[in-house]
C-alpha cells in the first residue's frame, strides 16, 4: 500500500462529485442552447 492510500484527505464518494460536475456542464451547455434558440426565434 502506498503513502497516498494510507493518508487519504477526502473520503467523500466520487460519484457525487462527478454527478455535480456533469450537471454543471450540462446546465451550461443547455443554457447556451436555449439562448441561441431564443436569438434565432426572435431574430427571424
PDB file of N, CA and C in Angstrom:
ATOM      1  N   UNK A   1       0.856  -1.178   0.000  1.00  0.00           N
ATOM      2  CA  UNK A   1       0.000   0.000   0.000  1.00  0.00           C
ATOM      3  C   UNK A   1       0.895   1.233   0.000  1.00  0.00           C
ATOM      4  N   UNK A   2       0.606   2.161  -0.898  1.00  0.00           N
ATOM      5  CA  UNK A   2       1.464   3.336  -0.954  1.00  0.00           C
ATOM      6  C   UNK A   2       1.026   4.397   0.045  1.00  0.00           C
ATOM      7  N   UNK A   3       1.788   5.460   0.100  1.00  0.00           N
ATOM      8  CA  UNK A   3       1.576   6.503   1.103  1.00  0.00           C
ATOM      9  C   UNK A   3       0.234   7.219   0.934  1.00  0.00           C
ATOM     10  N   UNK A   4      -0.211   7.404  -0.304  1.00  0.00           N
ATOM     11  CA  UNK A   4      -1.452   8.146  -0.559  1.00  0.00           C
ATOM     12  C   UNK A   4      -2.686   7.338  -0.182  1.00  0.00           C
ATOM     13  N   UNK A   5      -2.600   5.998  -0.250  1.00  0.00           N
ATOM     14  CA  UNK A   5      -3.733   5.176   0.141  1.00  0.00           C
ATOM     15  C   UNK A   5      -3.897   5.135   1.656  1.00  0.00           C
ATOM     16  N   UNK A   6      -2.821   5.321   2.384  1.00  0.00           N
ATOM     17  CA  UNK A   6      -2.894   5.311   3.849  1.00  0.00           C
ATOM     18  C   UNK A   6      -3.371   6.647   4.386  1.00  0.00           C
ATOM     19  N   UNK A   7      -2.946   7.746   3.743  1.00  0.00           N
ATOM     20  CA  UNK A   7      -3.214   9.083   4.255  1.00  0.00           C
ATOM     21  C   UNK A   7      -4.206   9.790   3.334  1.00  0.00           C
ATOM     22  N   UNK A   8      -5.465   9.380   3.383  1.00  0.00           N
ATOM     23  CA  UNK A   8      -6.488   9.927   2.496  1.00  0.00           C
ATOM     24  C   UNK A   8      -7.005  11.239   3.081  1.00  0.00           C
ATOM     25  N   UNK A   9      -7.062  12.281   2.242  1.00  0.00           N
ATOM     26  CA  UNK A   9      -7.517  13.579   2.717  1.00  0.00           C
ATOM     27  C   UNK A   9      -9.033  13.712   2.615  1.00  0.00           C
ATOM     28  N   UNK A  10      -9.624  13.191   1.562  1.00  0.00           N
ATOM     29  CA  UNK A  10     -11.063  13.337   1.341  1.00  0.00           C
ATOM     30  C   UNK A  10     -11.678  11.950   1.209  1.00  0.00           C
ATOM     31  N   UNK A  11     -12.686  11.665   2.022  1.00  0.00           N
ATOM     32  CA  UNK A  11     -13.309  10.338   1.982  1.00  0.00           C
ATOM     33  C   UNK A  11     -14.714  10.390   1.389  1.00  0.00           C
ATOM     34  N   UNK A  12     -15.055  11.495   0.692  1.00  0.00           N
ATOM     35  CA  UNK A  12     -16.384  11.588   0.080  1.00  0.00           C
ATOM     36  C   UNK A  12     -16.488  10.644  -1.106  1.00  0.00           C
ATOM     37  N   UNK A  13     -17.738  10.362  -1.485  1.00  0.00           N
ATOM     38  CA  UNK A  13     -17.985   9.478  -2.610  1.00  0.00           C
ATOM     39  C   UNK A  13     -17.686  10.227  -3.913  1.00  0.00           C
ATOM     40  N   UNK A  14     -16.929   9.609  -4.799  1.00  0.00           N
ATOM     41  CA  UNK A  14     -16.567  10.251  -6.063  1.00  0.00           C
ATOM     42  C   UNK A  14     -17.761  10.367  -7.008  1.00  0.00           C
ATOM     43  N   UNK A  15     -18.766   9.502  -6.840  1.00  0.00           N
ATOM     44  CA  UNK A  15     -19.935   9.560  -7.719  1.00  0.00           C
ATOM     45  C   UNK A  15     -20.695  10.870  -7.516  1.00  0.00           C
ATOM     46  N   UNK A  16     -20.742  11.367  -6.292  1.00  0.00           N
ATOM     47  CA  UNK A  16     -21.432  12.631  -6.030  1.00  0.00           C
ATOM     48  C   UNK A  16     -20.700  13.774  -6.730  1.00  0.00           C
ATOM     49  N   UNK A  17     -19.385  13.818  -6.623  1.00  0.00           N
ATOM     50  CA  UNK A  17     -18.606  14.874  -7.277  1.00  0.00           C
ATOM     51  C   UNK A  17     -18.735  14.814  -8.794  1.00  0.00           C
ATOM     52  N   UNK A  18     -18.701  13.621  -9.357  1.00  0.00           N
ATOM     53  CA  UNK A  18     -18.829  13.510 -10.810  1.00  0.00           C
ATOM     54  C   UNK A  18     -20.241  13.869 -11.258  1.00  0.00           C
ATOM     55  N   UNK A  19     -21.236  13.547 -10.452  1.00  0.00           N
ATOM     56  CA  UNK A  19     -22.610  13.925 -10.789  1.00  0.00           C
ATOM     57  C   UNK A  19     -22.794  15.430 -10.780  1.00  0.00           C
ATOM     58  N   UNK A  20     -22.207  16.101  -9.792  1.00  0.00           N
ATOM     59  CA  UNK A  20     -22.292  17.565  -9.731  1.00  0.00           C
ATOM     60  C   UNK A  20     -21.579  18.183 -10.929  1.00  0.00           C
ATOM     61  N   UNK A  21     -20.416  17.670 -11.262  1.00  0.00           N
ATOM     62  CA  UNK A  21     -19.684  18.182 -12.420  1.00  0.00           C
ATOM     63  C   UNK A  21     -20.449  17.983 -13.715  1.00  0.00           C
ATOM     64  N   UNK A  22     -21.115  16.845 -13.847  1.00  0.00           N
ATOM     65  CA  UNK A  22     -21.914  16.598 -15.050  1.00  0.00           C
ATOM     66  C   UNK A  22     -23.074  17.569 -15.129  1.00  0.00           C
ATOM     67  N   UNK A  23     -23.752  17.781 -14.017  1.00  0.00           N
ATOM     68  CA  UNK A  23     -24.916  18.671 -14.026  1.00  0.00           C
ATOM     69  C   UNK A  23     -24.515  20.115 -14.310  1.00  0.00           C
ATOM     70  N   UNK A  24     -23.374  20.548 -13.788  1.00  0.00           N
ATOM     71  CA  UNK A  24     -22.920  21.918 -14.045  1.00  0.00           C
ATOM     72  C   UNK A  24     -22.596  22.099 -15.521  1.00  0.00           C
ATOM     73  N   UNK A  25     -21.859  21.151 -16.104  1.00  0.00           N
ATOM     74  CA  UNK A  25     -21.513  21.284 -17.525  1.00  0.00           C
ATOM     75  C   UNK A  25     -22.757  21.141 -18.408  1.00  0.00           C
ATOM     76  N   UNK A  26     -23.658  20.236 -18.049  1.00  0.00           N
ATOM     77  CA  UNK A  26     -24.893  20.091 -18.821  1.00  0.00           C
ATOM     78  C   UNK A  26     -25.738  21.357 -18.730  1.00  0.00           C
ATOM     79  N   UNK A  27     -25.814  21.932 -17.551  1.00  0.00           N
ATOM     80  CA  UNK A  27     -26.576  23.168 -17.371  1.00  0.00           C
ATOM     81  C   UNK A  27     -26.003  24.312 -18.179  1.00  0.00           C
ATOM     82  N   UNK A  28     -24.675  24.393 -18.242  1.00  0.00           N
ATOM     83  CA  UNK A  28     -24.034  25.455 -19.022  1.00  0.00           C
ATOM     84  C   UNK A  28     -24.376  25.324 -20.505  1.00  0.00           C
ATOM     85  N   UNK A  29     -24.211  24.120 -21.063  1.00  0.00           N
ATOM     86  CA  UNK A  29     -24.474  23.941 -22.486  1.00  0.00           C
ATOM     87  C   UNK A  29     -25.962  24.032 -22.804  1.00  0.00           C
ATOM     88  N   UNK A  30     -26.823  23.601 -21.885  1.00  0.00           N
ATOM     89  CA  UNK A  30     -28.259  23.748 -22.104  1.00  0.00           C
ATOM     90  C   UNK A  30     -28.643  25.225 -22.119  1.00  0.00           C
ATOM     91  N   UNK A  31     -28.027  26.021 -21.248  1.00  0.00           N
ATOM     92  CA  UNK A  31     -28.289  27.460 -21.229  1.00  0.00           C
ATOM     93  C   UNK A  31     -27.831  28.113 -22.532  1.00  0.00           C
ATOM     94  N   UNK A  32     -26.658  27.725 -23.014  1.00  0.00           N
ATOM     95  CA  UNK A  32     -26.173  28.263 -24.286  1.00  0.00           C
ATOM     96  C   UNK A  32     -27.129  27.890 -25.426  1.00  0.00           C
ATOM     97  N   UNK A  33     -27.644  26.662 -25.418  1.00  0.00           N
ATOM     98  CA  UNK A  33     -28.570  26.225 -26.460  1.00  0.00           C
ATOM     99  C   UNK A  33     -29.871  27.017 -26.395  1.00  0.00           C
ATOM    100  N   UNK A  34     -30.379  27.233 -25.194  1.00  0.00           N
ATOM    101  CA  UNK A  34     -31.628  27.979 -25.042  1.00  0.00           C
ATOM    102  C   UNK A  34     -31.451  29.423 -25.500  1.00  0.00           C
ATOM    103  N   UNK A  35     -30.325  30.040 -25.139  1.00  0.00           N
ATOM    104  CA  UNK A  35     -30.078  31.419 -25.565  1.00  0.00           C
ATOM    105  C   UNK A  35     -29.979  31.497 -27.088  1.00  0.00           C
ATOM    106  N   UNK A  36     -29.268  30.552 -27.699  1.00  0.00           N
ATOM    107  CA  UNK A  36     -29.133  30.554 -29.161  1.00  0.00           C
ATOM    108  C   UNK A  36     -30.479  30.331 -29.835  1.00  0.00           C
ATOM    109  N   UNK A  37     -31.302  29.475 -29.261  1.00  0.00           N
ATOM    110  CA  UNK A  37     -32.626  29.233 -29.834  1.00  0.00           C
ATOM    111  C   UNK A  37     -33.493  30.481 -29.732  1.00  0.00           C
ATOM    112  N   UNK A  38     -33.425  31.173 -28.603  1.00  0.00           N
ATOM    113  CA  UNK A  38     -34.202  32.413 -28.455  1.00  0.00           C
ATOM    114  C   UNK A  38     -33.723  33.493 -29.415  1.00  0.00           C
ATOM    115  N   UNK A  39     -32.411  33.601 -29.605  1.00  0.00           N
ATOM    116  CA  UNK A  39     -31.879  34.590 -30.546  1.00  0.00           C
ATOM    117  C   UNK A  39     -32.353  34.279 -31.961  1.00  0.00           C
ATOM    118  N   UNK A  40     -32.335  33.007 -32.333  1.00  0.00           N
ATOM    119  CA  UNK A  40     -32.788  32.637 -33.671  1.00  0.00           C
ATOM    120  C   UNK A  40     -34.291  32.878 -33.834  1.00  0.00           C
ATOM    121  N   UNK A  41     -35.053  32.585 -32.789  1.00  0.00           N
ATOM    122  CA  UNK A  41     -36.510  32.764 -32.856  1.00  0.00           C
ATOM    123  C   UNK A  41     -36.896  34.232 -32.964  1.00  0.00           C
ATOM    124  N   UNK A  42     -36.314  35.061 -32.115  1.00  0.00           N
ATOM    125  CA  UNK A  42     -36.673  36.479 -32.127  1.00  0.00           C
ATOM    126  C   UNK A  42     -35.979  37.234 -33.249  1.00  0.00           C
ATOM    127  N   UNK A  43     -34.920  36.675 -33.817  1.00  0.00           N
ATOM    128  CA  UNK A  43     -34.232  37.344 -34.908  1.00  0.00           C
ATOM    129  C   UNK A  43     -34.911  37.160 -36.248  1.00  0.00           C
ATOM    130  N   UNK A  44     -35.783  36.173 -36.334  1.00  0.00           N
ATOM    131  CA  UNK A  44     -36.424  35.936 -37.625  1.00  0.00           C
ATOM    132  C   UNK A  44     -37.772  36.634 -37.751  1.00  0.00           C
TER     133      UNK A  44
END
